[in-house]
C-alpha atoms as a PDB file:
ATOM      1  CA  UNK A   1     125.225  77.391  97.845  1.00  0.00           C
ATOM      2  CA  UNK A   2     125.260  80.915  98.655  1.00  0.00           C
ATOM      3  CA  UNK A   3     121.874  81.807  97.511  1.00  0.00           C
ATOM      4  CA  UNK A   4     119.995  78.703  98.705  1.00  0.00           C
ATOM      5  CA  UNK A   5     117.871  80.636 100.931  1.00  0.00           C
ATOM      6  CA  UNK A   6     116.573  83.355  98.624  1.00  0.00           C
ATOM      7  CA  UNK A   7     113.068  82.144  98.591  1.00  0.00           C
ATOM      8  CA  UNK A   8     113.159  81.894 102.637  1.00  0.00           C
ATOM      9  CA  UNK A   9     114.677  85.370 102.893  1.00  0.00           C
ATOM     10  CA  UNK A  10     111.597  86.622 100.647  1.00  0.00           C
ATOM     11  CA  UNK A  11     109.196  84.721 102.682  1.00  0.00           C
ATOM     12  CA  UNK A  12     110.342  85.994 105.810  1.00  0.00           C
ATOM     13  CA  UNK A  13     109.962  89.444 104.604  1.00  0.00           C
ATOM     14  CA  UNK A  14     106.620  88.715 103.303  1.00  0.00           C
ATOM     15  CA  UNK A  15     105.886  87.342 106.970  1.00  0.00           C
ATOM     16  CA  UNK A  16     107.185  90.556 108.639  1.00  0.00           C
ATOM     17  CA  UNK A  17     104.646  92.531 106.539  1.00  0.00           C
ATOM     18  CA  UNK A  18     101.804  89.908 107.195  1.00  0.00           C
ATOM     19  CA  UNK A  19     102.546  90.239 110.817  1.00  0.00           C
ATOM     20  CA  UNK A  20     102.482  94.276 110.852  1.00  0.00           C
ATOM     21  CA  UNK A  21      98.894  94.274 109.328  1.00  0.00           C
ATOM     22  CA  UNK A  22      97.542  91.286 111.484  1.00  0.00           C
ATOM     23  CA  UNK A  23      96.964  93.358 114.921  1.00  0.00           C
ATOM     24  CA  UNK A  24      95.758  96.279 113.335  1.00  0.00           C
ATOM     25  CA  UNK A  25      92.731  94.646 111.267  1.00  0.00           C
ATOM     26  CA  UNK A  26      90.254  96.854 113.353  1.00  0.00           C
ATOM     27  CA  UNK A  27      92.476  99.934 114.301  1.00  0.00           C
ATOM     28  CA  UNK A  28      91.823 103.032 112.137  1.00  0.00           C
ATOM     29  CA  UNK A  29      94.862 104.615 113.686  1.00  0.00           C
ATOM     30  CA  UNK A  30      97.008 102.504 112.277  1.00  0.00           C
ATOM     31  CA  UNK A  31      95.700 102.524 108.534  1.00  0.00           C
ATOM     32  CA  UNK A  32      98.864 104.289 107.302  1.00  0.00           C
ATOM     33  CA  UNK A  33     101.085 101.587 108.788  1.00  0.00           C
ATOM     34  CA  UNK A  34      98.711  98.752 107.380  1.00  0.00           C
ATOM     35  CA  UNK A  35      98.917 100.315 103.987  1.00  0.00           C
ATOM     36  CA  UNK A  36     102.767 100.688 104.239  1.00  0.00           C
ATOM     37  CA  UNK A  37     103.071  96.972 105.281  1.00  0.00           C
ATOM     38  CA  UNK A  38     100.640  95.895 102.481  1.00  0.00           C
ATOM     39  CA  UNK A  39     102.695  97.908  99.927  1.00  0.00           C
ATOM     40  CA  UNK A  40     105.820  96.082 101.330  1.00  0.00           C
ATOM     41  CA  UNK A  41     104.246  92.675 100.914  1.00  0.00           C
ATOM     42  CA  UNK A  42     103.163  93.447  97.391  1.00  0.00           C
ATOM     43  CA  UNK A  43     106.771  94.576  96.426  1.00  0.00           C
ATOM     44  CA  UNK A  44     108.207  91.335  97.750  1.00  0.00           C
ATOM     45  CA  UNK A  45     105.377  89.138  96.131  1.00  0.00           C
ATOM     46  CA  UNK A  46     107.030  90.141  92.839  1.00  0.00           C
ATOM     47  CA  UNK A  47     110.702  89.132  93.684  1.00  0.00           C
ATOM     48  CA  UNK A  48     112.111  87.126  91.140  1.00  0.00           C
ATOM     49  CA  UNK A  49     112.925  84.477  93.448  1.00  0.00           C
ATOM     50  CA  UNK A  50     109.626  83.042  93.204  1.00  0.00           C
ATOM     51  CA  UNK A  51     110.109  82.219  89.649  1.00  0.00           C
ATOM     52  CA  UNK A  52     113.665  81.101  90.253  1.00  0.00           C
ATOM     53  CA  UNK A  53     112.411  78.741  92.768  1.00  0.00           C
ATOM     54  CA  UNK A  54     109.788  76.956  90.485  1.00  0.00           C
ATOM     55  CA  UNK A  55     112.704  76.672  87.769  1.00  0.00           C
ATOM     56  CA  UNK A  56     114.917  74.955  90.339  1.00  0.00           C
ATOM     57  CA  UNK A  57     115.577  71.393  91.038  1.00  0.00           C
ATOM     58  CA  UNK A  58     114.099  71.619  94.474  1.00  0.00           C
ATOM     59  CA  UNK A  59     110.701  72.180  93.159  1.00  0.00           C
ATOM     60  CA  UNK A  60     108.665  69.203  92.049  1.00  0.00           C
ATOM     61  CA  UNK A  61     105.344  70.374  90.974  1.00  0.00           C
ATOM     62  CA  UNK A  62     103.548  72.489  88.389  1.00  0.00           C
ATOM     63  CA  UNK A  63     104.661  76.090  88.563  1.00  0.00           C
ATOM     64  CA  UNK A  64     101.379  77.623  87.235  1.00  0.00           C
ATOM     65  CA  UNK A  65      99.358  76.653  90.473  1.00  0.00           C
ATOM     66  CA  UNK A  66     102.022  77.696  92.617  1.00  0.00           C
ATOM     67  CA  UNK A  67     102.366  80.833  90.951  1.00  0.00           C
ATOM     68  CA  UNK A  68      98.477  81.445  90.872  1.00  0.00           C
ATOM     69  CA  UNK A  69      98.453  80.934  94.786  1.00  0.00           C
ATOM     70  CA  UNK A  70     101.197  83.899  94.737  1.00  0.00           C
ATOM     71  CA  UNK A  71      98.950  86.036  92.558  1.00  0.00           C
ATOM     72  CA  UNK A  72      95.874  85.419  94.983  1.00  0.00           C
ATOM     73  CA  UNK A  73      98.059  86.396  97.954  1.00  0.00           C
ATOM     74  CA  UNK A  74      99.131  89.247  96.079  1.00  0.00           C
ATOM     75  CA  UNK A  75      95.380  90.001  95.092  1.00  0.00           C
ATOM     76  CA  UNK A  76      94.669  90.009  99.134  1.00  0.00           C
ATOM     77  CA  UNK A  77      97.490  92.352 100.043  1.00  0.00           C
ATOM     78  CA  UNK A  78      96.151  94.883  97.144  1.00  0.00           C
ATOM     79  CA  UNK A  79      92.763  94.561  98.746  1.00  0.00           C
ATOM     80  CA  UNK A  80      94.391  95.381 102.140  1.00  0.00           C
ATOM     81  CA  UNK A  81      96.303  98.407 100.545  1.00  0.00           C
ATOM     82  CA  UNK A  82      92.966  99.490  98.708  1.00  0.00           C
ATOM     83  CA  UNK A  83      90.874  99.400 102.090  1.00  0.00           C
ATOM     84  CA  UNK A  84      93.590 100.898 104.079  1.00  0.00           C
ATOM     85  CA  UNK A  85      93.733 103.911 101.495  1.00  0.00           C
ATOM     86  CA  UNK A  86      89.928 104.084 101.582  1.00  0.00           C
ATOM     87  CA  UNK A  87      89.993 104.038 105.414  1.00  0.00           C
ATOM     88  CA  UNK A  88      87.536 100.728 104.848  1.00  0.00           C
ATOM     89  CA  UNK A  89      88.324  98.356 107.687  1.00  0.00           C
ATOM     90  CA  UNK A  90      86.065  95.635 106.479  1.00  0.00           C
ATOM     91  CA  UNK A  91      88.074  95.664 103.229  1.00  0.00           C
ATOM     92  CA  UNK A  92      91.150  95.597 105.079  1.00  0.00           C
ATOM     93  CA  UNK A  93      90.050  92.474 107.037  1.00  0.00           C
ATOM     94  CA  UNK A  94      88.489  90.983 103.973  1.00  0.00           C
ATOM     95  CA  UNK A  95      91.838  91.326 102.006  1.00  0.00           C
ATOM     96  CA  UNK A  96      93.858  89.993 105.015  1.00  0.00           C
ATOM     97  CA  UNK A  97      91.559  86.765 105.257  1.00  0.00           C
ATOM     98  CA  UNK A  98      92.192  86.303 101.577  1.00  0.00           C
ATOM     99  CA  UNK A  99      95.727  86.461 102.037  1.00  0.00           C
ATOM    100  CA  UNK A 100      95.986  83.941 105.086  1.00  0.00           C
ATOM    101  CA  UNK A 101      94.107  81.358 103.318  1.00  0.00           C
ATOM    102  CA  UNK A 102      96.208  81.603 100.418  1.00  0.00           C
ATOM    103  CA  UNK A 103      99.294  81.454 102.639  1.00  0.00           C
ATOM    104  CA  UNK A 104      98.091  78.367 104.514  1.00  0.00           C
ATOM    105  CA  UNK A 105      97.306  76.762 101.157  1.00  0.00           C
ATOM    106  CA  UNK A 106     100.435  77.194  99.597  1.00  0.00           C
ATOM    107  CA  UNK A 107     102.550  76.494 102.687  1.00  0.00           C
ATOM    108  CA  UNK A 108     100.793  73.062 103.063  1.00  0.00           C
ATOM    109  CA  UNK A 109     101.457  72.242  99.569  1.00  0.00           C
ATOM    110  CA  UNK A 110     104.763  73.721  98.173  1.00  0.00           C
ATOM    111  CA  UNK A 111     106.734  74.565 101.429  1.00  0.00           C
ATOM    112  CA  UNK A 112     110.365  73.233 100.824  1.00  0.00           C
ATOM    113  CA  UNK A 113     112.220  71.796 103.453  1.00  0.00           C
ATOM    114  CA  UNK A 114     115.156  73.809 104.477  1.00  0.00           C
END
């Protein structure tokens, strides 16, 4: 039972990155911090617990749509990172919106009950 919160731990780390990006969507002075948060989010998105979760007894659905949503979240985070590196606040915002919509869709459908 020791590792039963692995996915929750990863999601909390992703949420920390997400919350670091959100207040700076139009803040050119925070682009370096935004890029670092997006990079962290990308790293956590590749955590193996996503695959472990879909292979566990707690997951009652098809893994491919779940992992596809994770990939769309990653694409949004990459877009945030690329926008921050290019100093393009419109791209940062667009990537963030992509991430946010994916997070909402995934959590509505797949969020486990801890």
